Structure formats: C-alpha cells, structure tokens
Amino acid sequence: MRWPKNVNGGYKNEAINDKEWEDEFEVEIATPQWVSWWNETRLHEALGYRTPLEVEAGYCSQNQLPEIMETRVNC
C-alpha cells in the first residue's frame, strides 16, 4: 500500500472516499476515530514500523521533560 504524502490525503483515502455515508453525522463520528488511529496506532515506516505513540513514549522515557506549570485563573 502506498501512503499519501499528507494527513489530509490519508484521511480522504482511508476514511472518506472508500465508504458510502448516509449523512454528515456518520462522518463526524468516524473522523475522531480515524484521527485517533492516525496519531496513536498506525505503523509508520519512517518510525521503524512503530506507532507514533510508541515513539513518543520511548522519547519521554529517555528524556527528562521540563515540568509544566499549571496556571489557574480565578473567574
């Protein structure tokens, strides 16, 4: 399978064009599912056929990340 060069092309090829949708609501439900797959579970050739989530977890475990300060605003 040849992957598209950008995320929008992937979305159209993998999630939209190959299916028949009854209405826009079905597309709205399917879109976050596809985005989750794209960002977390797809195997990526440039990442050594690992998922982006695996690569991120490995990076975080090897590098000490700066603490993020939480800011709260009183309303």
Protein backbone atom coordinates (compact mmCIF):
# COMPACT_ATOMS: atom_id res chain seq x y z
CA MET A 1 0.00 0.00 0.00
CA ARG A 2 1.31 3.43 -0.88
CA TRP A 3 0.62 6.06 1.76
CA PRO A 4 -0.39 9.58 0.81
CA LYS A 5 2.11 12.35 1.38
CA ASN A 6 -0.06 14.27 3.80
CA VAL A 7 -2.58 13.67 6.53
CA ASN A 8 -5.48 15.16 4.55
CA GLY A 9 -4.85 12.79 1.66
CA GLY A 10 -4.71 9.88 4.09
CA TYR A 11 -7.95 10.93 5.70
CA LYS A 12 -9.72 11.17 2.37
CA ASN A 13 -8.31 7.88 1.06
CA GLU A 14 -8.67 5.81 4.21
CA ALA A 15 -11.76 7.20 5.90
CA ILE A 16 -13.92 9.07 3.42
CA ASN A 17 -13.67 8.04 -0.23
CA ASP A 18 -13.97 4.27 0.14
CA LYS A 19 -17.25 4.33 2.08
CA GLU A 20 -20.79 5.36 1.41
CA TRP A 21 -22.10 7.67 4.12
CA GLU A 22 -25.76 8.13 4.95
CA ASP A 23 -25.28 11.61 6.36
CA GLU A 24 -22.78 14.11 7.75
CA PHE A 25 -23.30 12.82 11.29
CA GLU A 26 -21.72 9.47 10.35
CA VAL A 27 -18.66 11.32 9.04
CA GLU A 28 -18.50 13.39 12.24
CA ILE A 29 -18.45 10.19 14.29
CA ALA A 30 -15.88 8.43 12.08
CA THR A 31 -13.46 11.36 11.91
CA PRO A 32 -12.19 11.32 15.53
CA GLN A 33 -11.85 7.54 15.33
CA TRP A 34 -9.65 7.89 12.25
CA VAL A 35 -7.62 10.69 13.85
CA SER A 36 -7.02 8.50 16.90
CA TRP A 37 -5.83 5.67 14.67
CA TRP A 38 -3.59 8.04 12.65
CA ASN A 39 -1.99 9.58 15.75
CA GLU A 40 -1.73 6.56 18.01
CA THR A 41 -1.89 3.13 16.39
CA ARG A 42 -0.85 3.19 12.73
CA LEU A 43 2.53 1.69 11.90
CA HIS A 44 4.80 4.31 10.38
CA GLU A 45 7.62 3.36 8.01
CA ALA A 46 9.77 6.37 8.97
CA LEU A 47 9.47 5.37 12.64
CA GLY A 48 10.76 1.85 12.07
CA TYR A 49 7.25 0.43 11.71
CA ARG A 50 6.38 1.57 15.21
CA THR A 51 3.35 3.56 16.18
CA PRO A 52 3.68 7.29 16.86
CA LEU A 53 2.50 6.58 20.42
CA GLU A 54 5.33 4.05 20.95
CA VAL A 55 7.91 6.52 19.66
CA GLU A 56 6.61 9.28 21.89
CA ALA A 57 6.60 7.01 24.94
CA GLY A 58 10.18 5.95 24.23
CA TYR A 59 11.28 9.55 23.81
CA CYS A 60 9.64 10.61 27.05
CA SER A 61 11.21 7.72 28.98
CA GLN A 62 14.70 8.59 27.70
CA ASN A 63 14.49 12.36 28.06
CA GLN A 64 13.59 14.25 31.16
CA LEU A 65 10.93 16.71 30.11
CA PRO A 66 10.61 20.06 31.87
CA GLU A 67 7.80 20.33 34.36
CA ILE A 68 4.76 22.05 33.01
CA MET A 69 3.42 24.72 35.30
CA GLU A 70 -0.33 24.69 35.60
CA THR A 71 -1.94 28.12 35.64
CA ARG A 72 -5.35 28.64 37.13
CA VAL A 73 -7.39 31.75 36.68
CA ASN A 74 -9.98 32.81 39.23
CA CYS A 75 -13.17 33.75 37.46
